[in-house]
């Protein structure tokens, strides 16, 4: 069975909302930023991270429960947040932990045989 990371709750948009970083969220981050997830993690681990990258990370984690959410909506919610670090830090940590767990869980586990469809 595959690994699915735990939810992390953040207060944004006037509510406590769950975020989670599975493969689709990670793909969305790469698509929206135009960077590999490794480059994104390196960027947010260093001083001077792009605000766009931080907003995209929060957005992608929220998509697990709110599929029609836009990056701009998340940006608006962050504008209303007193301390954006209280939202962004748990999201960045959850993303990093998800990637770390995926890499350590998948190493040495081998590949699962997927049955081929019969025509």
Protein backbone atom coordinates (compact mmCIF):
# COMPACT_ATOMS: atom_id res chain seq x y z
CA UNK A 1 0.00 0.00 0.00
CA UNK A 2 1.27 3.50 -0.79
CA UNK A 3 2.07 6.18 1.70
CA UNK A 4 -0.33 9.10 2.08
CA UNK A 5 0.91 11.94 4.28
CA UNK A 6 -1.06 13.20 7.25
CA UNK A 7 -3.18 16.33 7.12
CA UNK A 8 -1.89 19.50 8.76
CA UNK A 9 -4.40 22.14 9.79
CA UNK A 10 -3.82 25.84 9.07
CA UNK A 11 -6.03 28.84 9.80
CA UNK A 12 -6.63 30.68 6.53
CA UNK A 13 -9.63 32.35 4.91
CA UNK A 14 -11.39 32.64 8.28
CA UNK A 15 -11.35 28.85 8.85
CA UNK A 16 -9.12 26.04 9.93
CA UNK A 17 -8.41 24.11 6.75
CA UNK A 18 -6.54 20.84 6.14
CA UNK A 19 -3.49 20.73 3.89
CA UNK A 20 -1.69 17.68 2.57
CA UNK A 21 1.05 17.13 0.02
CA UNK A 22 0.57 14.01 -2.05
CA UNK A 23 1.85 13.46 -5.57
CA UNK A 24 -0.82 15.61 -7.24
CA UNK A 25 -0.12 18.55 -4.94
CA UNK A 26 3.59 18.24 -5.64
CA UNK A 27 2.92 18.14 -9.39
CA UNK A 28 0.79 21.29 -9.10
CA UNK A 29 3.62 23.09 -7.30
CA UNK A 30 6.04 22.16 -10.08
CA UNK A 31 3.58 23.16 -12.81
CA UNK A 32 2.68 26.49 -11.23
CA UNK A 33 6.24 27.56 -10.33
CA UNK A 34 7.99 26.05 -13.34
CA UNK A 35 10.59 24.60 -10.95
CA UNK A 36 11.39 21.09 -9.78
CA UNK A 37 10.18 20.27 -6.29
CA UNK A 38 13.83 20.00 -5.22
CA UNK A 39 14.44 23.59 -6.39
CA UNK A 40 11.28 24.75 -4.60
CA UNK A 41 12.36 23.13 -1.31
CA UNK A 42 15.84 24.64 -1.67
CA UNK A 43 14.32 28.07 -2.33
CA UNK A 44 12.01 28.06 0.68
CA UNK A 45 14.78 26.72 2.92
CA UNK A 46 16.90 29.78 2.15
CA UNK A 47 16.35 33.43 3.06
CA UNK A 48 14.52 35.45 0.43
CA UNK A 49 12.04 32.87 -0.81
CA UNK A 50 9.64 34.15 -3.46
CA UNK A 51 6.21 35.10 -2.16
CA UNK A 52 4.71 33.48 -5.23
CA UNK A 53 6.36 30.18 -4.35
CA UNK A 54 5.04 30.36 -0.77
CA UNK A 55 1.50 31.13 -1.96
CA UNK A 56 1.67 28.25 -4.46
CA UNK A 57 2.81 25.81 -1.74
CA UNK A 58 -0.12 26.78 0.50
CA UNK A 59 -2.54 26.62 -2.46
CA UNK A 60 -1.38 23.17 -3.58
CA UNK A 61 -1.79 21.74 -0.08
CA UNK A 62 -5.32 23.11 0.18
CA UNK A 63 -6.37 21.54 -3.15
CA UNK A 64 -6.79 18.15 -1.48
CA UNK A 65 -10.11 19.35 -0.05
CA UNK A 66 -10.90 22.43 -2.18
CA UNK A 67 -10.31 21.49 -5.83
CA UNK A 68 -11.61 24.72 -7.38
CA UNK A 69 -9.44 27.02 -5.27
CA UNK A 70 -7.22 29.47 -7.14
CA UNK A 71 -3.76 30.80 -6.33
CA UNK A 72 -5.23 34.32 -6.26
CA UNK A 73 -7.84 33.30 -3.67
CA UNK A 74 -5.08 31.96 -1.43
CA UNK A 75 -3.13 35.19 -1.95
CA UNK A 76 -6.20 37.17 -0.86
CA UNK A 77 -6.59 34.96 2.22
CA UNK A 78 -2.94 35.47 3.11
CA UNK A 79 -3.45 39.26 2.78
CA UNK A 80 -6.08 38.95 5.51
CA UNK A 81 -3.77 36.88 7.74
CA UNK A 82 -1.99 38.71 10.53
CA UNK A 83 1.15 36.56 10.35
CA UNK A 84 1.60 34.67 7.08
CA UNK A 85 4.46 32.70 8.63
CA UNK A 86 1.87 30.95 10.84
CA UNK A 87 0.30 29.61 7.64
CA UNK A 88 3.33 29.16 5.39
CA UNK A 89 5.71 27.54 7.89
CA UNK A 90 3.48 24.52 8.66
CA UNK A 91 2.79 24.08 4.94
CA UNK A 92 6.48 24.16 4.00
CA UNK A 93 7.27 21.76 6.86
CA UNK A 94 4.48 19.39 5.78
CA UNK A 95 5.71 19.47 2.17
CA UNK A 96 9.30 18.75 3.24
CA UNK A 97 8.21 15.91 5.53
CA UNK A 98 6.02 14.41 2.83
CA UNK A 99 8.91 14.38 0.36
CA UNK A 100 11.31 12.97 2.93
CA UNK A 101 8.89 10.18 3.87
CA UNK A 102 8.16 9.37 0.24
CA UNK A 103 11.84 9.05 -0.58
CA UNK A 104 12.71 6.92 2.45
CA UNK A 105 9.57 4.76 2.15
CA UNK A 106 10.08 4.05 -1.55
CA UNK A 107 13.79 3.21 -1.32
CA UNK A 108 14.36 -0.51 -1.28
CA UNK A 109 10.67 -1.38 -1.47
CA UNK A 110 10.88 -2.64 -5.05
CA UNK A 111 8.24 -2.19 -7.69
CA UNK A 112 4.74 -3.54 -7.66
CA UNK A 113 3.60 -5.46 -10.71
CA UNK A 114 0.62 -3.75 -12.28
CA UNK A 115 -1.66 -6.10 -14.25
CA UNK A 116 -2.02 -5.17 -17.90
CA UNK A 117 -5.49 -4.69 -19.33
CA UNK A 118 -6.59 -7.36 -21.76
CA UNK A 119 -7.79 -6.16 -25.13
